[in-house]
């Protein structure tokens, strides 16, 4: 029998819940809220975004995360964003736009 893995979006839900956010599904994305902060979480890189999404988190596996960060840097979106690199173990690393270029690949 093969190993079953949890979808990245479900891993992100668990991580944000553990961080104290209230998380709900909104279409194919998640909406996480804590205090005044609302973060939209997705596995997709949007080309457009609605006006409410000022903070975005994009979830990717460790192999894809640096590439996704580079894509977002080239798109220069007008919202704050980060990429969450999620391991199959549930461990994660957050890649910010301001982070150094020497990220592990």
PDB file of N, CA and C in Angstrom:
ATOM      1  N   UNK A   1       0.847  -1.167   0.000  1.00  0.00           N
ATOM      2  CA  UNK A   1       0.000   0.000   0.000  1.00  0.00           C
ATOM      3  C   UNK A   1       0.894   1.231   0.000  1.00  0.00           C
ATOM      4  N   UNK A   2       0.579   2.237  -0.827  1.00  0.00           N
ATOM      5  CA  UNK A   2       1.350   3.467  -0.929  1.00  0.00           C
ATOM      6  C   UNK A   2       1.109   4.382   0.256  1.00  0.00           C
ATOM      7  N   UNK A   3       2.011   5.323   0.407  1.00  0.00           N
ATOM      8  CA  UNK A   3       1.891   6.306   1.475  1.00  0.00           C
ATOM      9  C   UNK A   3       0.909   7.384   1.046  1.00  0.00           C
ATOM     10  N   UNK A   4      -0.064   7.664   1.894  1.00  0.00           N
ATOM     11  CA  UNK A   4      -1.017   8.728   1.611  1.00  0.00           C
ATOM     12  C   UNK A   4      -0.483  10.023   2.196  1.00  0.00           C
ATOM     13  N   UNK A   5      -0.510  11.085   1.414  1.00  0.00           N
ATOM     14  CA  UNK A   5      -0.047  12.366   1.929  1.00  0.00           C
ATOM     15  C   UNK A   5      -1.223  13.328   2.025  1.00  0.00           C
ATOM     16  N   UNK A   6      -1.115  14.245   2.954  1.00  0.00           N
ATOM     17  CA  UNK A   6      -2.148  15.249   3.150  1.00  0.00           C
ATOM     18  C   UNK A   6      -1.959  16.340   2.111  1.00  0.00           C
ATOM     19  N   UNK A   7      -3.025  16.791   1.441  1.00  0.00           N
ATOM     20  CA  UNK A   7      -2.899  17.895   0.488  1.00  0.00           C
ATOM     21  C   UNK A   7      -2.291  19.129   1.165  1.00  0.00           C
ATOM     22  N   UNK A   8      -1.503  19.882   0.416  1.00  0.00           N
ATOM     23  CA  UNK A   8      -0.821  21.053   0.970  1.00  0.00           C
ATOM     24  C   UNK A   8      -1.789  22.057   1.596  1.00  0.00           C
ATOM     25  N   UNK A   9      -2.931  22.254   0.978  1.00  0.00           N
ATOM     26  CA  UNK A   9      -3.893  23.224   1.513  1.00  0.00           C
ATOM     27  C   UNK A   9      -4.411  22.777   2.886  1.00  0.00           C
ATOM     28  N   UNK A  10      -4.552  21.461   3.069  1.00  0.00           N
ATOM     29  CA  UNK A  10      -4.971  20.942   4.378  1.00  0.00           C
ATOM     30  C   UNK A  10      -3.854  21.104   5.414  1.00  0.00           C
ATOM     31  N   UNK A  11      -2.597  20.918   4.981  1.00  0.00           N
ATOM     32  CA  UNK A  11      -1.457  21.162   5.877  1.00  0.00           C
ATOM     33  C   UNK A  11      -1.447  22.628   6.300  1.00  0.00           C
ATOM     34  N   UNK A  12      -1.699  23.533   5.335  1.00  0.00           N
ATOM     35  CA  UNK A  12      -1.729  24.964   5.637  1.00  0.00           C
ATOM     36  C   UNK A  12      -2.844  25.282   6.633  1.00  0.00           C
ATOM     37  N   UNK A  13      -4.004  24.656   6.453  1.00  0.00           N
ATOM     38  CA  UNK A  13      -5.116  24.860   7.399  1.00  0.00           C
ATOM     39  C   UNK A  13      -4.678  24.483   8.814  1.00  0.00           C
ATOM     40  N   UNK A  14      -4.030  23.349   8.953  1.00  0.00           N
ATOM     41  CA  UNK A  14      -3.585  22.894  10.270  1.00  0.00           C
ATOM     42  C   UNK A  14      -2.547  23.843  10.859  1.00  0.00           C
ATOM     43  N   UNK A  15      -1.616  24.320  10.042  1.00  0.00           N
ATOM     44  CA  UNK A  15      -0.569  25.226  10.510  1.00  0.00           C
ATOM     45  C   UNK A  15      -1.177  26.544  10.979  1.00  0.00           C
ATOM     46  N   UNK A  16      -2.050  27.147  10.165  1.00  0.00           N
ATOM     47  CA  UNK A  16      -2.656  28.419  10.543  1.00  0.00           C
ATOM     48  C   UNK A  16      -3.564  28.260  11.759  1.00  0.00           C
ATOM     49  N   UNK A  17      -4.272  27.150  11.868  1.00  0.00           N
ATOM     50  CA  UNK A  17      -5.110  26.896  13.040  1.00  0.00           C
ATOM     51  C   UNK A  17      -4.237  26.810  14.288  1.00  0.00           C
ATOM     52  N   UNK A  18      -3.117  26.109  14.174  1.00  0.00           N
ATOM     53  CA  UNK A  18      -2.196  25.979  15.301  1.00  0.00           C
ATOM     54  C   UNK A  18      -1.615  27.343  15.701  1.00  0.00           C
ATOM     55  N   UNK A  19      -1.478  28.256  14.740  1.00  0.00           N
ATOM     56  CA  UNK A  19      -0.971  29.596  15.015  1.00  0.00           C
ATOM     57  C   UNK A  19      -2.042  30.524  15.608  1.00  0.00           C
ATOM     58  N   UNK A  20      -3.261  30.008  15.768  1.00  0.00           N
ATOM     59  CA  UNK A  20      -4.321  30.781  16.413  1.00  0.00           C
ATOM     60  C   UNK A  20      -5.273  31.489  15.473  1.00  0.00           C
ATOM     61  N   UNK A  21      -5.215  31.178  14.189  1.00  0.00           N
ATOM     62  CA  UNK A  21      -6.126  31.787  13.217  1.00  0.00           C
ATOM     63  C   UNK A  21      -7.426  30.988  13.155  1.00  0.00           C
ATOM     64  N   UNK A  22      -8.527  31.683  12.874  1.00  0.00           N
ATOM     65  CA  UNK A  22      -9.785  31.019  12.533  1.00  0.00           C
ATOM     66  C   UNK A  22      -9.738  30.831  11.021  1.00  0.00           C
ATOM     67  N   UNK A  23      -9.874  29.603  10.570  1.00  0.00           N
ATOM     68  CA  UNK A  23      -9.688  29.287   9.151  1.00  0.00           C
ATOM     69  C   UNK A  23     -10.983  28.754   8.565  1.00  0.00           C
ATOM     70  N   UNK A  24     -11.344  29.290   7.378  1.00  0.00           N
ATOM     71  CA  UNK A  24     -12.523  28.791   6.672  1.00  0.00           C
ATOM     72  C   UNK A  24     -12.195  28.652   5.188  1.00  0.00           C
ATOM     73  N   UNK A  25     -12.905  27.753   4.529  1.00  0.00           N
ATOM     74  CA  UNK A  25     -12.747  27.572   3.085  1.00  0.00           C
ATOM     75  C   UNK A  25     -13.511  28.653   2.344  1.00  0.00           C
ATOM     76  N   UNK A  26     -12.883  29.191   1.292  1.00  0.00           N
ATOM     77  CA  UNK A  26     -13.508  30.174   0.409  1.00  0.00           C
ATOM     78  C   UNK A  26     -13.160  29.725  -1.010  1.00  0.00           C
ATOM     79  N   UNK A  27     -14.062  28.957  -1.607  1.00  0.00           N
ATOM     80  CA  UNK A  27     -13.762  28.382  -2.919  1.00  0.00           C
ATOM     81  C   UNK A  27     -12.587  27.421  -2.814  1.00  0.00           C
ATOM     82  N   UNK A  28     -11.577  27.617  -3.651  1.00  0.00           N
ATOM     83  CA  UNK A  28     -10.399  26.746  -3.623  1.00  0.00           C
ATOM     84  C   UNK A  28      -9.318  27.273  -2.674  1.00  0.00           C
ATOM     85  N   UNK A  29      -9.619  28.377  -1.978  1.00  0.00           N
ATOM     86  CA  UNK A  29      -8.657  28.983  -1.068  1.00  0.00           C
ATOM     87  C   UNK A  29      -9.114  28.827   0.374  1.00  0.00           C
ATOM     88  N   UNK A  30      -8.248  29.256   1.277  1.00  0.00           N
ATOM     89  CA  UNK A  30      -8.596  29.361   2.683  1.00  0.00           C
ATOM     90  C   UNK A  30      -8.530  30.830   3.072  1.00  0.00           C
ATOM     91  N   UNK A  31      -9.360  31.208   4.023  1.00  0.00           N
ATOM     92  CA  UNK A  31      -9.343  32.559   4.600  1.00  0.00           C
ATOM     93  C   UNK A  31      -9.035  32.375   6.070  1.00  0.00           C
ATOM     94  N   UNK A  32      -7.887  32.906   6.508  1.00  0.00           N
ATOM     95  CA  UNK A  32      -7.458  32.783   7.901  1.00  0.00           C
ATOM     96  C   UNK A  32      -7.516  34.151   8.548  1.00  0.00           C
ATOM     97  N   UNK A  33      -8.150  34.234   9.726  1.00  0.00           N
ATOM     98  CA  UNK A  33      -8.305  35.522  10.393  1.00  0.00           C
ATOM     99  C   UNK A  33      -7.871  35.418  11.847  1.00  0.00           C
ATOM    100  N   UNK A  34      -7.106  36.410  12.271  1.00  0.00           N
ATOM    101  CA  UNK A  34      -6.706  36.527  13.681  1.00  0.00           C
ATOM    102  C   UNK A  34      -6.530  38.006  13.983  1.00  0.00           C
ATOM    103  N   UNK A  35      -7.239  38.462  14.988  1.00  0.00           N
ATOM    104  CA  UNK A  35      -7.263  39.880  15.346  1.00  0.00           C
ATOM    105  C   UNK A  35      -7.662  40.677  14.109  1.00  0.00           C
ATOM    106  N   UNK A  36      -6.872  41.615  13.677  1.00  0.00           N
ATOM    107  CA  UNK A  36      -7.198  42.459  12.523  1.00  0.00           C
ATOM    108  C   UNK A  36      -6.687  41.876  11.217  1.00  0.00           C
ATOM    109  N   UNK A  37      -5.918  40.814  11.273  1.00  0.00           N
ATOM    110  CA  UNK A  37      -5.231  40.285  10.094  1.00  0.00           C
ATOM    111  C   UNK A  37      -6.048  39.193   9.404  1.00  0.00           C
ATOM    112  N   UNK A  38      -6.224  39.358   8.092  1.00  0.00           N
ATOM    113  CA  UNK A  38      -6.864  38.337   7.261  1.00  0.00           C
ATOM    114  C   UNK A  38      -5.864  37.923   6.187  1.00  0.00           C
ATOM    115  N   UNK A  39      -5.616  36.617   6.097  1.00  0.00           N
ATOM    116  CA  UNK A  39      -4.680  36.069   5.126  1.00  0.00           C
ATOM    117  C   UNK A  39      -5.426  35.095   4.235  1.00  0.00           C
ATOM    118  N   UNK A  40      -5.294  35.257   2.920  1.00  0.00           N
ATOM    119  CA  UNK A  40      -5.847  34.287   1.977  1.00  0.00           C
ATOM    120  C   UNK A  40      -4.746  33.314   1.608  1.00  0.00           C
ATOM    121  N   UNK A  41      -5.064  32.027   1.645  1.00  0.00           N
ATOM    122  CA  UNK A  41      -4.085  30.965   1.453  1.00  0.00           C
ATOM    123  C   UNK A  41      -4.475  30.160   0.230  1.00  0.00           C
ATOM    124  N   UNK A  42      -3.507  29.929  -0.653  1.00  0.00           N
ATOM    125  CA  UNK A  42      -3.801  29.252  -1.914  1.00  0.00           C
ATOM    126  C   UNK A  42      -2.605  28.422  -2.365  1.00  0.00           C
ATOM    127  N   UNK A  43      -2.874  27.424  -3.195  1.00  0.00           N
ATOM    128  CA  UNK A  43      -1.806  26.670  -3.854  1.00  0.00           C
ATOM    129  C   UNK A  43      -1.526  27.224  -5.248  1.00  0.00           C
ATOM    130  N   UNK A  44      -2.335  28.162  -5.691  1.00  0.00           N
ATOM    131  CA  UNK A  44      -2.210  28.729  -7.035  1.00  0.00           C
ATOM    132  C   UNK A  44      -1.639  30.138  -6.969  1.00  0.00           C
ATOM    133  N   UNK A  45      -0.900  30.535  -8.001  1.00  0.00           N
ATOM    134  CA  UNK A  45      -0.438  31.907  -8.129  1.00  0.00           C
ATOM    135  C   UNK A  45      -1.470  32.664  -8.937  1.00  0.00           C
ATOM    136  N   UNK A  46      -2.219  33.576  -8.309  1.00  0.00           N
ATOM    137  CA  UNK A  46      -3.246  34.286  -9.068  1.00  0.00           C
ATOM    138  C   UNK A  46      -2.647  35.363  -9.967  1.00  0.00           C
ATOM    139  N   UNK A  47      -3.293  35.588 -11.085  1.00  0.00           N
ATOM    140  CA  UNK A  47      -2.889  36.692 -11.946  1.00  0.00           C
ATOM    141  C   UNK A  47      -3.671  37.937 -11.582  1.00  0.00           C
ATOM    142  N   UNK A  48      -4.832  37.759 -10.963  1.00  0.00           N
ATOM    143  CA  UNK A  48      -5.609  38.888 -10.444  1.00  0.00           C
ATOM    144  C   UNK A  48      -6.079  38.512  -9.054  1.00  0.00           C
ATOM    145  N   UNK A  49      -6.445  39.505  -8.293  1.00  0.00           N
ATOM    146  CA  UNK A  49      -6.881  39.247  -6.925  1.00  0.00           C
ATOM    147  C   UNK A  49      -7.939  40.270  -6.557  1.00  0.00           C
ATOM    148  N   UNK A  50      -8.923  39.857  -5.760  1.00  0.00           N
ATOM    149  CA  UNK A  50      -9.946  40.820  -5.370  1.00  0.00           C
ATOM    150  C   UNK A  50      -9.370  41.820  -4.373  1.00  0.00           C
ATOM    151  N   UNK A  51     -10.048  42.924  -4.181  1.00  0.00           N
ATOM    152  CA  UNK A  51      -9.560  44.005  -3.347  1.00  0.00           C
ATOM    153  C   UNK A  51      -9.414  43.668  -1.883  1.00  0.00           C
ATOM    154  N   UNK A  52     -10.069  42.623  -1.403  1.00  0.00           N
ATOM    155  CA  UNK A  52     -10.028  42.294   0.014  1.00  0.00           C
ATOM    156  C   UNK A  52      -8.731  41.591   0.410  1.00  0.00           C
ATOM    157  N   UNK A  53      -8.035  40.995  -0.519  1.00  0.00           N
ATOM    158  CA  UNK A  53      -6.880  40.161  -0.200  1.00  0.00           C
ATOM    159  C   UNK A  53      -5.597  40.988  -0.155  1.00  0.00           C
ATOM    160  N   UNK A  54      -5.347  41.631   0.993  1.00  0.00           N
ATOM    161  CA  UNK A  54      -4.133  42.410   1.157  1.00  0.00           C
ATOM    162  C   UNK A  54      -2.950  41.554   1.586  1.00  0.00           C
ATOM    163  N   UNK A  55      -3.232  40.426   2.230  1.00  0.00           N
ATOM    164  CA  UNK A  55      -2.195  39.496   2.667  1.00  0.00           C
ATOM    165  C   UNK A  55      -2.484  38.137   2.048  1.00  0.00           C
ATOM    166  N   UNK A  56      -1.460  37.561   1.397  1.00  0.00           N
ATOM    167  CA  UNK A  56      -1.648  36.266   0.756  1.00  0.00           C
ATOM    168  C   UNK A  56      -0.503  35.340   1.119  1.00  0.00           C
ATOM    169  N   UNK A  57      -0.829  34.069   1.258  1.00  0.00           N
ATOM    170  CA  UNK A  57       0.166  33.033   1.508  1.00  0.00           C
ATOM    171  C   UNK A  57      -0.028  31.949   0.461  1.00  0.00           C
ATOM    172  N   UNK A  58       1.033  31.621  -0.234  1.00  0.00           N
ATOM    173  CA  UNK A  58       0.981  30.585  -1.260  1.00  0.00           C
ATOM    174  C   UNK A  58       1.713  29.358  -0.738  1.00  0.00           C
ATOM    175  N   UNK A  59       1.056  28.210  -0.788  1.00  0.00           N
ATOM    176  CA  UNK A  59       1.580  26.981  -0.227  1.00  0.00           C
ATOM    177  C   UNK A  59       2.179  26.138  -1.350  1.00  0.00           C
ATOM    178  N   UNK A  60       3.385  25.614  -1.104  1.00  0.00           N
ATOM    179  CA  UNK A  60       4.050  24.785  -2.105  1.00  0.00           C
ATOM    180  C   UNK A  60       4.929  23.751  -1.407  1.00  0.00           C
ATOM    181  N   UNK A  61       5.250  22.687  -2.123  1.00  0.00           N
ATOM    182  CA  UNK A  61       6.193  21.722  -1.563  1.00  0.00           C
ATOM    183  C   UNK A  61       7.603  22.326  -1.673  1.00  0.00           C
ATOM    184  N   UNK A  62       8.568  21.787  -0.944  1.00  0.00           N
ATOM    185  CA  UNK A  62       9.909  22.378  -0.912  1.00  0.00           C
ATOM    186  C   UNK A  62      10.584  22.499  -2.279  1.00  0.00           C
ATOM    187  N   UNK A  63      10.278  21.607  -3.202  1.00  0.00           N
ATOM    188  CA  UNK A  63      10.885  21.678  -4.532  1.00  0.00           C
ATOM    189  C   UNK A  63      10.322  22.844  -5.342  1.00  0.00           C
ATOM    190  N   UNK A  64       9.066  23.170  -5.154  1.00  0.00           N
ATOM    191  CA  UNK A  64       8.381  24.212  -5.926  1.00  0.00           C
ATOM    192  C   UNK A  64       8.479  25.598  -5.283  1.00  0.00           C
ATOM    193  N   UNK A  65       8.670  25.670  -3.982  1.00  0.00           N
ATOM    194  CA  UNK A  65       8.604  26.937  -3.256  1.00  0.00           C
ATOM    195  C   UNK A  65       9.555  28.013  -3.789  1.00  0.00           C
ATOM    196  N   UNK A  66      10.840  27.745  -4.017  1.00  0.00           N
ATOM    197  CA  UNK A  66      11.717  28.804  -4.533  1.00  0.00           C
ATOM    198  C   UNK A  66      11.281  29.307  -5.912  1.00  0.00           C
ATOM    199  N   UNK A  67      10.792  28.401  -6.761  1.00  0.00           N
ATOM    200  CA  UNK A  67      10.300  28.789  -8.088  1.00  0.00           C
ATOM    201  C   UNK A  67       9.057  29.676  -7.966  1.00  0.00           C
ATOM    202  N   UNK A  68       8.154  29.319  -7.072  1.00  0.00           N
ATOM    203  CA  UNK A  68       6.946  30.106  -6.853  1.00  0.00           C
ATOM    204  C   UNK A  68       7.300  31.489  -6.316  1.00  0.00           C
ATOM    205  N   UNK A  69       8.255  31.555  -5.404  1.00  0.00           N
ATOM    206  CA  UNK A  69       8.713  32.846  -4.880  1.00  0.00           C
ATOM    207  C   UNK A  69       9.252  33.709  -6.024  1.00  0.00           C
ATOM    208  N   UNK A  70      10.048  33.117  -6.911  1.00  0.00           N
ATOM    209  CA  UNK A  70      10.611  33.851  -8.051  1.00  0.00           C
ATOM    210  C   UNK A  70       9.497  34.350  -8.978  1.00  0.00           C
ATOM    211  N   UNK A  71       8.477  33.513  -9.197  1.00  0.00           N
ATOM    212  CA  UNK A  71       7.327  33.925 -10.026  1.00  0.00           C
ATOM    213  C   UNK A  71       6.646  35.152  -9.424  1.00  0.00           C
ATOM    214  N   UNK A  72       6.411  35.110  -8.123  1.00  0.00           N
ATOM    215  CA  UNK A  72       5.747  36.225  -7.455  1.00  0.00           C
ATOM    216  C   UNK A  72       6.607  37.484  -7.484  1.00  0.00           C
ATOM    217  N   UNK A  73       7.913  37.338  -7.313  1.00  0.00           N
ATOM    218  CA  UNK A  73       8.800  38.495  -7.403  1.00  0.00           C
ATOM    219  C   UNK A  73       8.719  39.134  -8.786  1.00  0.00           C
ATOM    220  N   UNK A  74       8.627  38.304  -9.834  1.00  0.00           N
ATOM    221  CA  UNK A  74       8.553  38.855 -11.192  1.00  0.00           C
ATOM    222  C   UNK A  74       7.189  39.487 -11.483  1.00  0.00           C
ATOM    223  N   UNK A  75       6.128  38.972 -10.844  1.00  0.00           N
ATOM    224  CA  UNK A  75       4.791  39.548 -11.032  1.00  0.00           C
ATOM    225  C   UNK A  75       4.629  40.882 -10.309  1.00  0.00           C
ATOM    226  N   UNK A  76       5.399  41.089  -9.252  1.00  0.00           N
ATOM    227  CA  UNK A  76       5.314  42.303  -8.433  1.00  0.00           C
ATOM    228  C   UNK A  76       3.871  42.651  -8.046  1.00  0.00           C
ATOM    229  N   UNK A  77       3.158  41.726  -7.389  1.00  0.00           N
ATOM    230  CA  UNK A  77       1.769  42.015  -7.008  1.00  0.00           C
ATOM    231  C   UNK A  77       1.702  43.178  -6.024  1.00  0.00           C
ATOM    232  N   UNK A  78       0.548  43.831  -5.979  1.00  0.00           N
ATOM    233  CA  UNK A  78       0.381  44.994  -5.108  1.00  0.00           C
ATOM    234  C   UNK A  78      -0.213  44.613  -3.746  1.00  0.00           C
ATOM    235  N   UNK A  79       0.078  43.427  -3.272  1.00  0.00           N
ATOM    236  CA  UNK A  79      -0.340  42.979  -1.951  1.00  0.00           C
ATOM    237  C   UNK A  79       0.861  42.331  -1.274  1.00  0.00           C
ATOM    238  N   UNK A  80       0.810  42.213   0.038  1.00  0.00           N
ATOM    239  CA  UNK A  80       1.864  41.528   0.785  1.00  0.00           C
ATOM    240  C   UNK A  80       1.670  40.025   0.630  1.00  0.00           C
ATOM    241  N   UNK A  81       2.768  39.301   0.455  1.00  0.00           N
ATOM    242  CA  UNK A  81       2.680  37.867   0.234  1.00  0.00           C
ATOM    243  C   UNK A  81       3.887  37.160   0.834  1.00  0.00           C
ATOM    244  N   UNK A  82       3.720  35.856   0.980  1.00  0.00           N
ATOM    245  CA  UNK A  82       4.803  34.958   1.379  1.00  0.00           C
ATOM    246  C   UNK A  82       4.493  33.597   0.782  1.00  0.00           C
ATOM    247  N   UNK A  83       5.526  32.785   0.658  1.00  0.00           N
ATOM    248  CA  UNK A  83       5.367  31.406   0.202  1.00  0.00           C
ATOM    249  C   UNK A  83       5.671  30.510   1.391  1.00  0.00           C
ATOM    250  N   UNK A  84       4.773  29.558   1.661  1.00  0.00           N
ATOM    251  CA  UNK A  84       4.981  28.600   2.732  1.00  0.00           C
ATOM    252  C   UNK A  84       5.410  27.278   2.101  1.00  0.00           C
ATOM    253  N   UNK A  85       6.657  26.903   2.359  1.00  0.00           N
ATOM    254  CA  UNK A  85       7.197  25.636   1.884  1.00  0.00           C
ATOM    255  C   UNK A  85       6.872  24.579   2.931  1.00  0.00           C
ATOM    256  N   UNK A  86       6.034  23.601   2.564  1.00  0.00           N
ATOM    257  CA  UNK A  86       5.539  22.616   3.527  1.00  0.00           C
ATOM    258  C   UNK A  86       6.108  21.232   3.211  1.00  0.00           C
ATOM    259  N   UNK A  87       6.767  20.640   4.207  1.00  0.00           N
ATOM    260  CA  UNK A  87       7.314  19.289   4.103  1.00  0.00           C
ATOM    261  C   UNK A  87       6.197  18.266   4.344  1.00  0.00           C
ATOM    262  N   UNK A  88       6.396  17.052   3.899  1.00  0.00           N
ATOM    263  CA  UNK A  88       5.413  15.989   4.121  1.00  0.00           C
ATOM    264  C   UNK A  88       5.257  15.666   5.605  1.00  0.00           C
ATOM    265  N   UNK A  89       6.244  16.056   6.414  1.00  0.00           N
ATOM    266  CA  UNK A  89       6.191  15.829   7.859  1.00  0.00           C
ATOM    267  C   UNK A  89       5.345  16.872   8.574  1.00  0.00           C
ATOM    268  N   UNK A  90       4.927  17.924   7.837  1.00  0.00           N
ATOM    269  CA  UNK A  90       4.177  19.012   8.452  1.00  0.00           C
ATOM    270  C   UNK A  90       5.061  20.184   8.840  1.00  0.00           C
ATOM    271  N   UNK A  91       6.387  20.005   8.787  1.00  0.00           N
ATOM    272  CA  UNK A  91       7.300  21.119   9.042  1.00  0.00           C
ATOM    273  C   UNK A  91       7.175  22.107   7.894  1.00  0.00           C
ATOM    274  N   UNK A  92       7.450  23.378   8.188  1.00  0.00           N
ATOM    275  CA  UNK A  92       7.317  24.391   7.144  1.00  0.00           C
ATOM    276  C   UNK A  92       8.347  25.489   7.309  1.00  0.00           C
ATOM    277  N   UNK A  93       8.567  26.205   6.212  1.00  0.00           N
ATOM    278  CA  UNK A  93       9.436  27.372   6.190  1.00  0.00           C
ATOM    279  C   UNK A  93       8.698  28.449   5.411  1.00  0.00           C
ATOM    280  N   UNK A  94       8.795  29.690   5.869  1.00  0.00           N
ATOM    281  CA  UNK A  94       8.133  30.795   5.185  1.00  0.00           C
ATOM    282  C   UNK A  94       9.178  31.579   4.400  1.00  0.00           C
ATOM    283  N   UNK A  95       8.933  31.732   3.092  1.00  0.00           N
ATOM    284  CA  UNK A  95       9.827  32.474   2.211  1.00  0.00           C
ATOM    285  C   UNK A  95       9.185  33.820   1.905  1.00  0.00           C
ATOM    286  N   UNK A  96       9.777  34.887   2.413  1.00  0.00           N
ATOM    287  CA  UNK A  96       9.266  36.237   2.214  1.00  0.00           C
ATOM    288  C   UNK A  96       9.887  36.859   0.967  1.00  0.00           C
ATOM    289  N   UNK A  97       9.256  37.883   0.404  1.00  0.00           N
ATOM    290  CA  UNK A  97       9.832  38.537  -0.766  1.00  0.00           C
ATOM    291  C   UNK A  97      11.180  39.201  -0.461  1.00  0.00           C
ATOM    292  N   UNK A  98      11.376  39.671   0.760  1.00  0.00           N
ATOM    293  CA  UNK A  98      12.603  40.363   1.121  1.00  0.00           C
ATOM    294  C   UNK A  98      13.744  39.410   1.487  1.00  0.00           C
ATOM    295  N   UNK A  99      13.492  38.114   1.536  1.00  0.00           N
ATOM    296  CA  UNK A  99      14.506  37.140   1.945  1.00  0.00           C
ATOM    297  C   UNK A  99      15.672  37.152   0.959  1.00  0.00           C
ATOM    298  N   UNK A 100      16.807  36.708   1.431  1.00  0.00           N
ATOM    299  CA  UNK A 100      17.998  36.674   0.570  1.00  0.00           C
ATOM    300  C   UNK A 100      17.784  35.708  -0.583  1.00  0.00           C
ATOM    301  N   UNK A 101      18.552  35.899  -1.616  1.00  0.00           N
ATOM    302  CA  UNK A 101      18.428  35.068  -2.818  1.00  0.00           C
ATOM    303  C   UNK A 101      19.003  33.677  -2.617  1.00  0.00           C
ATOM    304  N   UNK A 102      19.779  33.459  -1.579  1.00  0.00           N
ATOM    305  CA  UNK A 102      20.433  32.173  -1.379  1.00  0.00           C
ATOM    306  C   UNK A 102      19.545  31.145  -0.726  1.00  0.00           C
ATOM    307  N   UNK A 103      18.330  30.990  -1.177  1.00  0.00           N
ATOM    308  CA  UNK A 103      17.398  30.031  -0.594  1.00  0.00           C
ATOM    309  C   UNK A 103      17.753  28.618  -1.029  1.00  0.00           C
ATOM    310  N   UNK A 104      17.554  27.654  -0.150  1.00  0.00           N
ATOM    311  CA  UNK A 104      17.789  26.273  -0.554  1.00  0.00           C
ATOM    312  C   UNK A 104      16.802  25.858  -1.639  1.00  0.00           C
ATOM    313  N   UNK A 105      17.271  25.036  -2.541  1.00  0.00           N
ATOM    314  CA  UNK A 105      16.365  24.581  -3.612  1.00  0.00           C
ATOM    315  C   UNK A 105      16.066  23.116  -3.493  1.00  0.00           C
TER     316      UNK A 105
END
